[in-house]
Amino acid sequence: MLQVLALAMLLSSLLIIPSSAQRQSQSQPQLQSQGFEGFRQRRRSPAAPETTGPSFGEYTFVRTIYDSPFGGYGYRRNGTWSTDYPNADNNFIVGLREWAGTNLKIAPRPEQIPIMDDRIFDYPIIYFVEPGFLELSDEQAKRLREYIDRGGFMFFDDFWGVYEWENLETQLHKVLPEYKAKDLPLSHPIFHSYLDVEEVVQVPNIYNAIRGETSEKGGIVPHYMGVEDKNGRLIVFISFNCDLGDAWEWINDPRYPAKYGLPAYKLGINVVIYAMSH
């Protein structure tokens, strides 16, 4: 089902996604000069997201509910899985729809799905926030491996420093013991799938951004990383020592600098387009 959804999205998105040359000459200058500020201004008072009825689309933003030592598990909204929820999810959906300019049919409401929920197989991309505190049981690791083997893609964001990296590395080893995460070169197709990402930017949370700081927990150097399978397919994207979700959450606040908001949206959009078309 994942592969069918991805193919359907690719066929539709190819109708409007410009060529690399067109992106360079048209999209990038517009986005970097006036497009981003215009996009932010348009969204100062966005329509409230739909909260009732079905939320269907070729792409749905899915936040993964996971176990962690802080707040436990479930829908109590006090686990680390819920960081930046729901504003980050709702704002990213609006950004993908209005700013990217694709004709991709985007579900108006995000979903939050536990790892062991069978609905997870209905969605080609799942997002994990603060995976430095992710704890996977053997059963959950097996489920995520099945998800990957069936064509799924995992997106990890907002974790910092040595301890949190070592924890994610441990959890990924449970899921994908034969593969290792590595830094991706900026020539990788994921950085040019829709917009051109030309540098690794450390995106901070709003409180650090206001103070003029970018790092936390000793995570000085930002990394855009990934895991590829034996066929070279990228199956995991990792934003380490970065907080894309906070940029998505606070994009309507004029205190949050555009120099961080722009890269956060560009990267998120590229990950979605890449994962849905590969």
Protein backbone atom coordinates (compact mmCIF):
# COMPACT_ATOMS: atom_id res chain seq x y z
CA MET A 1 0.00 0.00 0.00
CA LEU A 2 2.86 2.38 0.82
CA GLN A 3 4.43 1.85 -2.58
CA VAL A 4 1.12 2.45 -4.36
CA LEU A 5 0.59 5.70 -2.44
CA ALA A 6 4.10 6.85 -3.20
CA LEU A 7 3.70 6.12 -6.91
CA ALA A 8 0.39 7.96 -7.04
CA MET A 9 1.97 10.99 -5.40
CA LEU A 10 4.94 10.94 -7.74
CA LEU A 11 2.77 10.82 -10.85
CA SER A 12 0.70 13.76 -9.67
CA SER A 13 3.56 15.87 -8.36
CA LEU A 14 5.59 15.51 -11.54
CA LEU A 15 2.95 17.55 -13.32
CA ILE A 16 4.07 20.71 -11.56
CA ILE A 17 7.48 20.14 -10.00
CA PRO A 18 9.86 22.25 -12.07
CA SER A 19 13.10 20.99 -13.50
CA SER A 20 16.33 21.64 -11.64
CA ALA A 21 17.19 24.48 -14.00
CA GLN A 22 13.73 26.01 -13.59
CA ARG A 23 13.98 25.77 -9.79
CA GLN A 24 17.33 27.53 -9.85
CA SER A 25 16.11 30.37 -12.07
CA GLN A 26 12.58 30.78 -10.71
CA SER A 27 11.78 29.17 -7.36
CA GLN A 28 14.91 29.85 -5.38
CA PRO A 29 15.23 33.61 -5.95
CA GLN A 30 11.54 34.11 -5.27
CA LEU A 31 11.60 32.07 -2.09
CA GLN A 32 14.73 33.66 -0.70
CA SER A 33 13.99 37.27 -1.55
CA GLN A 34 10.31 37.78 -0.85
CA GLY A 35 8.60 34.39 -0.92
CA PHE A 36 9.39 33.36 2.63
CA GLU A 37 8.46 36.63 4.30
CA GLY A 38 5.35 36.81 2.16
CA PHE A 39 4.47 33.26 3.08
CA ARG A 40 4.91 34.03 6.77
CA GLN A 41 2.85 37.21 6.52
CA ARG A 42 -0.02 35.39 4.79
CA ARG A 43 -0.07 32.90 7.62
CA ARG A 44 -0.24 35.24 10.59
CA SER A 45 -3.93 34.39 11.05
CA PRO A 46 -4.39 31.04 9.31
CA ALA A 47 -7.67 29.24 9.20
CA ALA A 48 -8.04 26.76 12.02
CA PRO A 49 -7.23 23.20 10.98
CA GLU A 50 -10.11 20.83 10.45
CA THR A 51 -10.79 18.87 13.60
CA THR A 52 -13.73 16.71 12.61
CA GLY A 53 -14.52 14.38 9.75
CA PRO A 54 -12.13 12.44 7.56
CA SER A 55 -8.67 13.81 6.82
CA PHE A 56 -7.61 12.22 3.58
CA GLY A 57 -4.84 13.07 1.15
CA GLU A 58 -1.93 11.74 -0.85
CA TYR A 59 0.28 12.99 1.96
CA THR A 60 -0.58 13.12 5.66
CA PHE A 61 1.78 14.44 8.32
CA VAL A 62 2.10 11.57 10.81
CA ARG A 63 3.66 12.08 14.24
CA THR A 64 4.78 8.82 15.83
CA ILE A 65 3.69 8.11 19.40
CA TYR A 66 6.45 6.26 21.21
CA ASP A 67 7.56 5.15 24.66
CA SER A 68 9.99 7.35 26.57
CA PRO A 69 11.18 7.68 30.17
CA PHE A 70 9.54 11.11 30.40
CA GLY A 71 5.78 10.94 30.63
CA GLY A 72 5.45 7.39 29.41
CA TYR A 73 3.27 6.39 26.52
CA GLY A 74 -0.11 7.26 25.17
CA TYR A 75 -2.29 10.22 24.33
CA ARG A 76 -1.70 12.11 27.58
CA ARG A 77 0.36 14.68 25.69
CA ASN A 78 3.13 14.65 28.28
CA GLY A 79 5.59 12.34 26.58
CA THR A 80 8.49 13.65 24.51
CA TRP A 81 6.75 12.42 21.35
CA SER A 82 4.34 15.38 21.67
CA THR A 83 6.98 18.15 21.66
CA ASP A 84 5.85 21.11 19.48
CA TYR A 85 2.46 19.45 18.93
CA PRO A 86 0.05 20.48 17.45
CA ASN A 87 1.28 23.83 16.05
CA ALA A 88 4.38 22.44 14.34
CA ASP A 89 2.34 19.81 12.51
CA ASN A 90 -0.44 22.18 11.47
CA ASN A 91 1.97 24.91 10.36
CA PHE A 92 4.11 22.51 8.35
CA ILE A 93 1.01 21.24 6.54
CA VAL A 94 0.06 24.80 5.61
CA GLY A 95 3.61 25.56 4.52
CA LEU A 96 3.81 22.48 2.34
CA ARG A 97 0.48 23.32 0.74
CA GLU A 98 0.87 27.08 0.27
CA TRP A 99 4.59 27.70 0.03
CA ALA A 100 5.89 24.68 -1.85
CA GLY A 101 3.31 25.15 -4.57
CA THR A 102 2.88 21.48 -5.43
CA ASN A 103 -0.44 20.02 -6.55
CA LEU A 104 -0.01 17.26 -4.00
CA LYS A 105 -3.29 16.66 -2.18
CA ILE A 106 -2.37 17.18 1.45
CA ALA A 107 -4.56 15.97 4.28
CA PRO A 108 -5.80 19.03 6.24
CA ARG A 109 -5.24 17.43 9.61
CA PRO A 110 -2.14 15.65 10.95
CA GLU A 111 -2.31 12.23 12.56
CA GLN A 112 -0.67 10.86 15.70
CA ILE A 113 -0.19 7.10 15.57
CA PRO A 114 1.37 4.61 17.99
CA ILE A 115 4.02 2.31 16.56
CA MET A 116 1.93 -0.82 17.09
CA ASP A 117 -1.18 0.63 15.42
CA ASP A 118 -1.78 -1.09 12.07
CA ARG A 119 -2.68 2.27 10.53
CA ILE A 120 1.01 3.04 10.41
CA PHE A 121 1.24 1.00 7.20
CA ASP A 122 -1.16 3.40 5.49
CA TYR A 123 1.37 6.23 5.57
CA PRO A 124 4.67 6.38 3.63
CA ILE A 125 6.41 8.80 6.05
CA ILE A 126 6.38 8.94 9.85
CA TYR A 127 7.97 11.68 11.96
CA PHE A 128 9.72 11.25 15.32
CA VAL A 129 10.53 14.25 17.51
CA GLU A 130 13.12 14.11 20.32
CA PRO A 131 14.27 10.56 19.51
CA GLY A 132 17.07 11.00 22.02
CA PHE A 133 14.48 9.66 24.48
CA LEU A 134 12.96 7.01 22.23
CA GLU A 135 12.66 3.56 23.80
CA LEU A 136 11.71 0.64 21.56
CA SER A 137 10.64 -2.79 22.72
CA ASP A 138 11.62 -5.77 20.60
CA GLU A 139 8.06 -5.91 19.31
CA GLN A 140 8.08 -2.24 18.35
CA ALA A 141 11.47 -2.57 16.64
CA LYS A 142 10.13 -5.50 14.64
CA ARG A 143 7.10 -3.45 13.63
CA LEU A 144 9.26 -0.55 12.43
CA ARG A 145 11.45 -2.96 10.46
CA GLU A 146 8.34 -4.31 8.75
CA TYR A 147 7.28 -0.73 8.05
CA ILE A 148 10.63 0.00 6.38
CA ASP A 149 10.62 -3.26 4.43
CA ARG A 150 7.18 -2.41 3.07
CA GLY A 151 8.46 0.89 1.69
CA GLY A 152 8.13 3.25 4.65
CA PHE A 153 10.40 6.17 5.52
CA MET A 154 11.32 7.46 9.00
CA PHE A 155 12.15 11.12 9.74
CA PHE A 156 13.93 11.93 13.04
CA ASP A 157 14.27 15.50 14.33
CA ASP A 158 15.17 17.59 17.39
CA PHE A 159 17.74 15.79 19.49
CA TRP A 160 21.08 17.03 20.73
CA GLY A 161 24.42 16.00 22.14
CA VAL A 162 26.30 12.77 22.68
CA TYR A 163 23.86 11.03 25.02
CA GLU A 164 20.82 11.55 22.80
CA TRP A 165 22.76 10.52 19.69
CA GLU A 166 23.92 7.32 21.35
CA ASN A 167 20.37 6.51 22.36
CA LEU A 168 19.01 6.95 18.83
CA GLU A 169 21.89 4.90 17.45
CA THR A 170 20.97 2.11 19.90
CA GLN A 171 17.29 2.22 18.94
CA LEU A 172 18.05 2.24 15.20
CA HIS A 173 20.30 -0.78 15.67
CA LYS A 174 17.29 -2.68 17.03
CA VAL A 175 15.37 -1.86 13.85
CA LEU A 176 18.13 -1.93 11.23
CA PRO A 177 21.09 -3.86 12.69
CA GLU A 178 22.86 -4.24 9.36
CA TYR A 179 22.84 -0.53 8.47
CA LYS A 180 24.43 2.57 9.99
CA ALA A 181 23.55 6.23 9.86
CA LYS A 182 25.97 8.53 8.07
CA ASP A 183 26.26 12.18 7.13
CA LEU A 184 24.74 12.87 3.73
CA PRO A 185 26.66 15.02 1.22
CA LEU A 186 24.84 18.11 0.05
CA SER A 187 24.96 16.61 -3.44
CA HIS A 188 22.54 13.89 -2.30
CA PRO A 189 19.22 13.99 -4.23
CA ILE A 190 17.21 14.59 -1.04
CA PHE A 191 18.69 18.09 -0.87
CA HIS A 192 17.55 18.88 -4.42
CA SER A 193 14.27 16.98 -4.68
CA TYR A 194 12.24 20.19 -4.86
CA LEU A 195 14.29 23.11 -3.54
CA ASP A 196 18.05 23.38 -3.32
CA VAL A 197 19.46 22.95 0.17
CA GLU A 198 23.02 24.24 -0.06
CA GLU A 199 24.22 24.25 3.54
CA VAL A 200 23.69 22.44 6.84
CA VAL A 201 22.03 25.01 9.10
CA GLN A 202 21.70 24.59 12.85
CA VAL A 203 18.05 25.43 13.48
CA PRO A 204 17.50 26.40 17.15
CA ASN A 205 14.45 26.49 19.37
CA ILE A 206 12.79 29.88 19.73
CA TYR A 207 14.26 30.63 23.16
CA ASN A 208 17.82 30.11 21.99
CA ALA A 209 17.11 31.98 18.75
CA ILE A 210 15.94 35.03 20.70
CA ARG A 211 19.16 34.93 22.75
CA GLY A 212 21.27 34.59 19.63
CA GLU A 213 22.32 31.02 20.40
CA THR A 214 21.87 27.95 18.23
CA SER A 215 23.24 24.92 20.09
CA GLU A 216 22.14 23.08 23.22
CA LYS A 217 23.23 20.10 25.33
CA GLY A 218 26.72 20.29 23.87
CA GLY A 219 25.47 19.67 20.33
CA ILE A 220 27.66 22.23 18.59
CA VAL A 221 27.83 20.81 15.05
CA PRO A 222 24.58 20.22 13.10
CA HIS A 223 24.22 17.09 10.97
CA TYR A 224 21.88 16.02 8.19
CA MET A 225 22.18 12.26 8.23
CA GLY A 226 20.55 9.22 6.71
CA VAL A 227 20.39 5.44 6.53
CA GLU A 228 20.39 3.67 3.18
CA ASP A 229 19.33 0.08 2.56
CA LYS A 230 21.35 -2.46 0.58
CA ASN A 231 19.95 -1.08 -2.67
CA GLY A 232 21.01 2.47 -1.85
CA ARG A 233 17.47 3.64 -1.07
CA LEU A 234 17.39 6.25 1.68
CA ILE A 235 15.03 4.88 4.32
CA VAL A 236 15.77 7.20 7.26
CA PHE A 237 16.49 10.93 7.45
CA ILE A 238 17.98 12.41 10.62
CA SER A 239 18.20 16.06 11.61
CA PHE A 240 20.71 15.97 14.51
CA ASN A 241 21.67 18.97 16.65
CA CYS A 242 18.80 20.80 14.94
CA ASP A 243 15.20 21.59 15.84
CA LEU A 244 13.15 21.84 12.67
CA GLY A 245 9.92 21.29 14.57
CA ASP A 246 10.42 24.41 16.70
CA ALA A 247 10.89 26.50 13.57
CA TRP A 248 7.67 25.07 12.16
CA GLU A 249 5.89 25.72 15.46
CA TRP A 250 6.99 29.35 15.85
CA ILE A 251 7.02 30.45 12.22
CA ASN A 252 4.16 32.91 12.84
CA ASP A 253 6.07 34.63 15.66
CA PRO A 254 8.06 37.62 14.34
CA ARG A 255 10.71 36.96 16.99
CA TYR A 256 11.71 33.76 15.23
CA PRO A 257 14.40 34.64 12.63
CA ALA A 258 13.64 33.90 9.00
CA LYS A 259 17.27 32.78 8.57
CA TYR A 260 16.33 29.65 10.55
CA GLY A 261 12.70 29.32 9.50
CA LEU A 262 13.55 29.28 5.80
CA PRO A 263 16.02 26.36 6.00
CA ALA A 264 13.67 24.41 8.30
CA TYR A 265 10.81 24.58 5.84
CA LYS A 266 12.99 23.96 2.80
CA LEU A 267 14.50 20.86 4.37
CA GLY A 268 11.18 19.49 5.59
CA ILE A 269 9.57 19.98 2.19
CA ASN A 270 12.49 18.28 0.45
CA VAL A 271 12.31 15.28 2.79
CA VAL A 272 8.61 14.83 2.06
CA ILE A 273 9.00 15.16 -1.71
CA TYR A 274 12.01 12.83 -1.77
CA ALA A 275 10.44 10.16 0.43
CA MET A 276 7.18 10.19 -1.53
CA SER A 277 8.93 9.87 -4.87
CA HIS A 278 11.66 7.28 -4.16
